[in-house]
């Protein structure tokens, strides 16, 4: 398939939007971008969901567009405190990773096949799960362990439950995503609210669940963490760190590396979206999330959600390629990985 530079760049982004129905202005703008092949996919938040049947109509609308490549229809549906398809909105509702970790592997498989079945019913083809960050029971991360999002402190156990999640999703035709590399569980602060330094808390064992699942050829997408770790890179957070992300490539991982949301406070407090996107891509991220969600940058007023944000960013990145700030080869490499992963969508 031959795509233009702008289309290849667009395929590297998953964007959030505001709207709940196909007639909403932002949804209409986004549909044009999808048809042009200038966006890789969308991410759903609770405010996009009016009721179950409306969600199904909305996601079907996006998938039925005559696009060069099928869009990712993505969501954060871990269970417990992190599930956009919640019982309050009329969906099944699922237990947290912490609760699942008390079940047998067979019990966990049942939970996640049911979860994936519901996602498929609503035409969602990518779930940003499982979270395979380790928990430190003596000092849990406020946005991981304290929210019940971890399967435990033992790397082997966490990897085992992560594998169950990915295999259950695969059976139902849903893609999963491991998060948050190189480990967010030891962080003592929330990267939505600003800069987070894990240097004095992080342990090398936090890499093990990721490496374990890469070795087993189970990983197809891995999300970065916006954490600073002097042990891995003394200059920039993991999302912008070539030497950190290369740890995955050195293990033989050739799947998609996707950034956590660049609209989060840890990034917005220090970088423009343009600068952040360029840094992430040059560091080795193959895809980027832009949530357009003001809640992602707690207490900050650094960006305005808009359907025009991505087109403006693509203008900037096209010029960046022409100026040599990012190479055509890097764009092609990232796009190729995205294209290969999209071929698995059914």
Protein backbone atom coordinates (compact mmCIF):
# COMPACT_ATOMS: atom_id res chain seq x y z
CA UNK A 1 0.00 0.00 0.00
CA UNK A 2 1.38 3.39 -0.99
CA UNK A 3 0.50 6.22 1.39
CA UNK A 4 1.69 9.81 1.37
CA UNK A 5 4.03 11.16 4.03
CA UNK A 6 1.10 12.94 5.70
CA UNK A 7 -0.95 9.74 5.77
CA UNK A 8 1.94 7.76 7.23
CA UNK A 9 2.40 10.38 9.94
CA UNK A 10 -1.33 10.43 10.65
CA UNK A 11 -1.37 6.66 11.11
CA UNK A 12 1.03 7.09 14.03
CA UNK A 13 -1.58 8.86 16.18
CA UNK A 14 -4.50 7.72 18.30
CA UNK A 15 -6.63 10.70 19.30
CA UNK A 16 -9.36 11.46 21.76
CA UNK A 17 -12.37 13.57 20.84
CA UNK A 18 -15.50 15.14 22.34
CA UNK A 19 -18.86 13.89 21.17
CA UNK A 20 -21.20 10.94 21.64
CA UNK A 21 -23.09 10.65 18.37
CA UNK A 22 -22.24 10.51 14.68
CA UNK A 23 -23.78 13.97 14.19
CA UNK A 24 -21.52 15.76 16.68
CA UNK A 25 -19.21 18.27 14.93
CA UNK A 26 -15.96 16.79 16.24
CA UNK A 27 -17.05 13.29 15.23
CA UNK A 28 -17.76 14.57 11.73
CA UNK A 29 -14.33 16.26 11.54
CA UNK A 30 -12.66 13.10 12.81
CA UNK A 31 -14.49 10.95 10.29
CA UNK A 32 -13.00 13.04 7.47
CA UNK A 33 -9.49 12.54 8.91
CA UNK A 34 -10.09 8.77 9.12
CA UNK A 35 -11.34 8.60 5.53
CA UNK A 36 -8.27 10.51 4.37
CA UNK A 37 -6.06 8.03 6.25
CA UNK A 38 -4.65 10.86 8.38
CA UNK A 39 -5.30 9.38 11.81
CA UNK A 40 -4.47 5.91 13.10
CA UNK A 41 -7.35 5.53 15.51
CA UNK A 42 -9.47 6.92 18.31
CA UNK A 43 -9.55 6.47 22.06
CA UNK A 44 -12.82 6.46 23.98
CA UNK A 45 -13.42 8.05 27.38
CA UNK A 46 -16.46 7.83 29.62
CA UNK A 47 -17.72 11.20 28.34
CA UNK A 48 -17.93 9.73 24.82
CA UNK A 49 -20.42 7.13 26.02
CA UNK A 50 -24.07 8.12 26.33
CA UNK A 51 -25.49 4.60 26.63
CA UNK A 52 -24.53 1.17 25.25
CA UNK A 53 -26.51 1.24 22.01
CA UNK A 54 -25.21 4.75 21.21
CA UNK A 55 -21.63 3.60 21.69
CA UNK A 56 -22.14 0.68 19.33
CA UNK A 57 -23.58 2.97 16.69
CA UNK A 58 -20.67 5.41 17.08
CA UNK A 59 -17.90 2.80 16.84
CA UNK A 60 -19.61 1.10 13.89
CA UNK A 61 -19.71 4.46 12.14
CA UNK A 62 -15.94 4.88 12.48
CA UNK A 63 -15.22 1.33 11.29
CA UNK A 64 -17.53 1.61 8.27
CA UNK A 65 -15.72 4.65 6.87
CA UNK A 66 -13.88 3.91 3.65
CA UNK A 67 -10.41 4.41 5.09
CA UNK A 68 -7.06 3.26 3.62
CA UNK A 69 -6.40 1.35 6.86
CA UNK A 70 -8.82 0.15 9.54
CA UNK A 71 -8.77 2.60 12.48
CA UNK A 72 -7.94 1.45 15.98
CA UNK A 73 -11.00 1.83 18.19
CA UNK A 74 -9.33 1.88 21.58
CA UNK A 75 -10.18 2.20 25.25
CA UNK A 76 -8.74 1.78 28.74
CA UNK A 77 -10.81 -1.13 30.07
CA UNK A 78 -8.73 -2.78 32.78
CA UNK A 79 -11.51 -3.46 35.27
CA UNK A 80 -11.94 -2.04 38.75
CA UNK A 81 -11.18 1.68 38.99
CA UNK A 82 -10.11 1.95 35.34
CA UNK A 83 -12.96 1.01 33.02
CA UNK A 84 -14.63 3.40 30.62
CA UNK A 85 -17.43 0.91 29.91
CA UNK A 86 -18.71 1.01 33.47
CA UNK A 87 -21.80 -0.42 35.20
CA UNK A 88 -22.94 3.16 35.81
CA UNK A 89 -23.22 3.58 32.03
CA UNK A 90 -25.06 0.30 31.53
CA UNK A 91 -22.19 -2.11 30.88
CA UNK A 92 -21.21 -5.32 32.69
CA UNK A 93 -18.39 -4.04 34.86
CA UNK A 94 -15.31 -6.08 35.75
CA UNK A 95 -13.11 -6.63 38.79
CA UNK A 96 -9.68 -5.08 39.26
CA UNK A 97 -6.32 -6.68 38.52
CA UNK A 98 -5.68 -6.88 42.27
CA UNK A 99 -8.89 -8.88 42.73
CA UNK A 100 -8.17 -11.06 39.70
CA UNK A 101 -4.77 -11.96 41.20
CA UNK A 102 -6.60 -13.91 43.92
CA UNK A 103 -8.29 -16.10 41.28
CA UNK A 104 -6.92 -19.20 39.61
CA UNK A 105 -5.51 -18.75 36.11
CA UNK A 106 -8.66 -20.43 34.79
CA UNK A 107 -10.82 -17.95 36.68
CA UNK A 108 -8.79 -15.04 35.34
CA UNK A 109 -9.15 -16.37 31.79
CA UNK A 110 -12.94 -16.43 32.18
CA UNK A 111 -12.96 -12.82 33.40
CA UNK A 112 -10.88 -11.55 30.50
CA UNK A 113 -12.65 -13.52 27.81
CA UNK A 114 -15.90 -12.00 29.08
CA UNK A 115 -14.32 -8.55 29.07
CA UNK A 116 -13.00 -9.00 25.52
CA UNK A 117 -16.37 -10.33 24.38
CA UNK A 118 -18.03 -7.14 25.56
CA UNK A 119 -15.42 -5.01 23.79
CA UNK A 120 -15.95 -6.91 20.55
CA UNK A 121 -19.70 -6.46 20.87
CA UNK A 122 -19.15 -2.70 20.87
CA UNK A 123 -16.64 -2.84 17.97
CA UNK A 124 -13.61 -1.96 20.13
CA UNK A 125 -10.51 -3.61 18.69
CA UNK A 126 -7.72 -2.34 20.98
CA UNK A 127 -7.66 -2.33 24.76
CA UNK A 128 -4.87 -0.58 26.67
CA UNK A 129 -4.51 -3.50 29.05
CA UNK A 130 -2.97 -5.37 30.85
CA UNK A 131 -1.19 -3.12 33.28
CA UNK A 132 1.86 -5.18 34.28
CA UNK A 133 3.43 -2.66 36.63
CA UNK A 134 4.64 -4.19 39.89
CA UNK A 135 3.11 -3.14 43.18
CA UNK A 136 5.08 -2.29 46.30
CA UNK A 137 2.62 -3.08 49.12
CA UNK A 138 4.64 -1.01 51.60
CA UNK A 139 4.48 2.09 49.40
CA UNK A 140 1.98 1.65 46.55
CA UNK A 141 1.98 4.04 43.61
CA UNK A 142 -1.05 6.35 43.99
CA UNK A 143 -2.22 5.63 40.43
CA UNK A 144 -1.23 1.94 40.18
CA UNK A 145 -1.12 -0.15 43.36
CA UNK A 146 -3.35 2.17 45.36
CA UNK A 147 -6.04 1.84 42.67
CA UNK A 148 -5.83 -1.96 42.52
CA UNK A 149 -4.34 -1.93 39.00
CA UNK A 150 -1.42 -4.31 39.70
CA UNK A 151 -1.39 -8.11 39.78
CA UNK A 152 1.18 -8.06 42.57
CA UNK A 153 4.83 -7.58 43.44
CA UNK A 154 6.20 -10.82 41.99
CA UNK A 155 7.38 -10.33 38.37
CA UNK A 156 6.65 -13.92 37.36
CA UNK A 157 3.12 -13.81 38.77
CA UNK A 158 2.43 -10.47 37.10
CA UNK A 159 3.71 -11.77 33.77
CA UNK A 160 1.56 -14.90 34.09
CA UNK A 161 -1.62 -12.88 34.57
CA UNK A 162 -0.54 -10.54 31.79
CA UNK A 163 -0.21 -13.50 29.47
CA UNK A 164 -3.70 -14.71 30.40
CA UNK A 165 -5.11 -11.28 29.53
CA UNK A 166 -3.39 -11.16 26.14
CA UNK A 167 -4.38 -14.73 25.22
CA UNK A 168 -8.00 -14.15 26.24
CA UNK A 169 -8.11 -10.98 24.13
CA UNK A 170 -6.55 -12.80 21.19
CA UNK A 171 -9.25 -15.48 21.30
CA UNK A 172 -11.88 -12.77 20.90
CA UNK A 173 -10.05 -10.74 18.25
CA UNK A 174 -9.09 -7.81 20.49
CA UNK A 175 -5.55 -6.43 20.64
CA UNK A 176 -3.97 -5.83 24.03
CA UNK A 177 -1.23 -3.44 25.13
CA UNK A 178 1.29 -3.94 27.94
CA UNK A 179 1.83 -0.90 30.13
CA UNK A 180 3.70 1.12 31.43
CA UNK A 181 7.30 0.47 30.32
CA UNK A 182 9.83 0.48 32.02
CA UNK A 183 7.64 0.23 35.12
CA UNK A 184 5.39 2.79 36.82
CA UNK A 185 4.49 0.80 39.93
CA UNK A 186 7.22 2.27 42.14
CA UNK A 187 6.34 5.90 41.34
CA UNK A 188 5.26 7.92 44.36
CA UNK A 189 3.32 10.49 42.35
CA UNK A 190 0.82 10.76 39.50
CA UNK A 191 2.24 11.58 36.04
CA UNK A 192 -1.10 13.19 35.15
CA UNK A 193 -0.21 15.92 37.63
CA UNK A 194 3.36 16.62 36.58
CA UNK A 195 6.96 15.43 36.51
CA UNK A 196 7.58 12.09 38.27
CA UNK A 197 11.10 10.96 39.25
CA UNK A 198 11.33 7.27 40.21
CA UNK A 199 15.13 7.13 40.44
CA UNK A 200 15.29 6.33 44.16
CA UNK A 201 12.34 3.89 44.12
CA UNK A 202 12.60 1.97 40.86
CA UNK A 203 14.06 -1.57 40.77
CA UNK A 204 15.36 -3.51 37.78
CA UNK A 205 12.85 -6.29 38.45
CA UNK A 206 10.16 -3.95 37.11
CA UNK A 207 11.46 -4.74 33.62
CA UNK A 208 10.94 -8.48 34.05
CA UNK A 209 7.20 -8.79 33.25
CA UNK A 210 7.75 -6.92 29.97
CA UNK A 211 10.83 -8.93 29.00
CA UNK A 212 9.11 -12.17 30.00
CA UNK A 213 6.16 -11.55 27.68
CA UNK A 214 8.44 -10.32 24.88
CA UNK A 215 10.45 -13.56 25.20
CA UNK A 216 7.19 -15.52 24.94
CA UNK A 217 6.26 -13.61 21.76
CA UNK A 218 3.04 -12.42 23.40
CA UNK A 219 3.62 -8.67 23.18
CA UNK A 220 2.23 -6.79 20.17
CA UNK A 221 1.99 -3.29 21.64
CA UNK A 222 3.78 -1.79 24.63
CA UNK A 223 2.98 1.60 26.18
CA UNK A 224 5.63 3.88 27.65
CA UNK A 225 5.56 5.59 31.03
CA UNK A 226 6.22 9.32 31.41
CA UNK A 227 8.59 8.68 34.29
CA UNK A 228 12.12 9.96 34.77
CA UNK A 229 14.62 7.33 35.89
CA UNK A 230 18.23 8.39 36.19
CA UNK A 231 19.36 4.76 36.18
CA UNK A 232 18.09 4.35 32.62
CA UNK A 233 18.51 7.87 31.22
CA UNK A 234 19.85 10.86 33.16
CA UNK A 235 18.31 13.42 30.82
CA UNK A 236 14.73 12.66 29.73
CA UNK A 237 11.67 10.62 30.77
CA UNK A 238 11.21 7.13 29.33
CA UNK A 239 8.85 8.21 26.54
CA UNK A 240 11.62 10.40 25.10
CA UNK A 241 14.52 8.07 25.89
CA UNK A 242 16.03 6.13 22.99
CA UNK A 243 18.28 4.17 25.36
CA UNK A 244 15.30 3.15 27.51
CA UNK A 245 13.06 2.09 24.63
CA UNK A 246 15.98 0.30 22.97
CA UNK A 247 15.96 -2.11 25.92
CA UNK A 248 12.87 -3.62 24.29
CA UNK A 249 14.44 -3.80 20.84
CA UNK A 250 17.56 -5.44 22.28
CA UNK A 251 15.30 -8.17 23.65
CA UNK A 252 14.05 -8.85 20.13
CA UNK A 253 10.76 -6.96 20.40
CA UNK A 254 9.70 -5.62 17.00
CA UNK A 255 6.10 -4.70 17.78
CA UNK A 256 4.56 -1.27 18.25
CA UNK A 257 5.80 0.98 21.04
CA UNK A 258 3.12 3.55 21.84
CA UNK A 259 3.52 6.58 24.05
CA UNK A 260 1.22 7.20 26.95
CA UNK A 261 -0.91 10.29 26.41
CA UNK A 262 1.21 13.32 25.50
CA UNK A 263 -1.51 15.56 26.88
CA UNK A 264 -0.67 14.34 30.41
CA UNK A 265 0.71 16.77 32.94
CA UNK A 266 4.16 15.17 33.13
CA UNK A 267 4.66 16.18 29.49
CA UNK A 268 2.55 19.32 29.25
CA UNK A 269 4.41 20.96 32.14
CA UNK A 270 7.65 20.94 30.15
CA UNK A 271 7.00 20.45 26.42
CA UNK A 272 4.73 21.62 23.66
CA UNK A 273 2.78 18.88 21.87
CA UNK A 274 4.89 19.49 18.76
CA UNK A 275 8.17 19.13 20.64
CA UNK A 276 6.90 16.15 22.60
CA UNK A 277 5.68 14.32 19.50
CA UNK A 278 8.99 14.82 17.73
CA UNK A 279 10.95 13.64 20.78
CA UNK A 280 8.75 10.56 21.22
CA UNK A 281 9.02 9.52 17.58
CA UNK A 282 12.77 10.07 17.47
CA UNK A 283 13.20 8.07 20.67
CA UNK A 284 11.52 5.07 19.07
CA UNK A 285 7.81 5.42 19.80
CA UNK A 286 5.88 4.12 16.79
CA UNK A 287 2.55 5.57 17.88
CA UNK A 288 1.43 8.47 20.04
CA UNK A 289 -1.73 9.03 22.06
CA UNK A 290 -3.23 12.53 22.18
CA UNK A 291 -6.27 12.35 24.43
CA UNK A 292 -7.63 15.89 24.02
CA UNK A 293 -8.76 15.28 27.60
CA UNK A 294 -8.21 18.24 29.94
CA UNK A 295 -8.30 15.87 32.92
CA UNK A 296 -5.04 14.32 31.68
CA UNK A 297 -3.12 17.44 32.76
CA UNK A 298 -4.31 17.99 36.30
CA UNK A 299 -4.45 21.66 37.24
CA UNK A 300 -2.88 22.85 33.98
CA UNK A 301 -4.20 24.94 31.14
CA UNK A 302 -1.60 24.09 28.51
CA UNK A 303 -3.72 22.93 25.59
CA UNK A 304 -7.19 23.39 24.17
CA UNK A 305 -9.03 20.25 23.02
CA UNK A 306 -9.84 20.62 19.34
CA UNK A 307 -10.48 18.59 16.21
CA UNK A 308 -7.84 20.82 14.57
CA UNK A 309 -5.00 19.76 16.89
CA UNK A 310 -3.90 16.74 14.88
CA UNK A 311 -4.04 18.39 11.41
CA UNK A 312 -1.90 21.25 12.76
CA UNK A 313 0.52 18.76 14.29
CA UNK A 314 0.79 16.87 11.00
CA UNK A 315 1.65 20.16 9.26
CA UNK A 316 4.48 20.59 11.76
CA UNK A 317 5.73 17.01 11.39
CA UNK A 318 5.70 17.15 7.60
CA UNK A 319 7.99 20.18 7.82
CA UNK A 320 10.12 18.35 10.42
CA UNK A 321 10.74 15.56 7.91
CA UNK A 322 11.64 18.07 5.19
CA UNK A 323 14.05 19.87 7.54
CA UNK A 324 15.64 16.65 8.75
CA UNK A 325 14.43 16.95 12.37
CA UNK A 326 13.05 13.45 11.88
CA UNK A 327 14.00 11.14 9.04
CA UNK A 328 11.73 9.58 6.46
CA UNK A 329 13.22 6.22 7.45
CA UNK A 330 12.06 6.66 11.07
CA UNK A 331 8.54 7.50 9.87
CA UNK A 332 8.53 4.52 7.50
CA UNK A 333 9.76 2.17 10.25
CA UNK A 334 7.03 3.29 12.64
CA UNK A 335 4.34 3.17 9.97
CA UNK A 336 5.40 -0.34 8.91
CA UNK A 337 4.96 -1.63 12.46
CA UNK A 338 1.53 -0.01 12.72
CA UNK A 339 0.51 -1.42 9.34
CA UNK A 340 1.59 -4.95 10.33
CA UNK A 341 -0.41 -4.74 13.56
CA UNK A 342 -3.49 -3.43 11.77
CA UNK A 343 -3.42 -6.44 9.47
CA UNK A 344 -4.45 -8.49 12.53
CA UNK A 345 -7.68 -6.54 12.93
CA UNK A 346 -10.73 -8.52 11.82
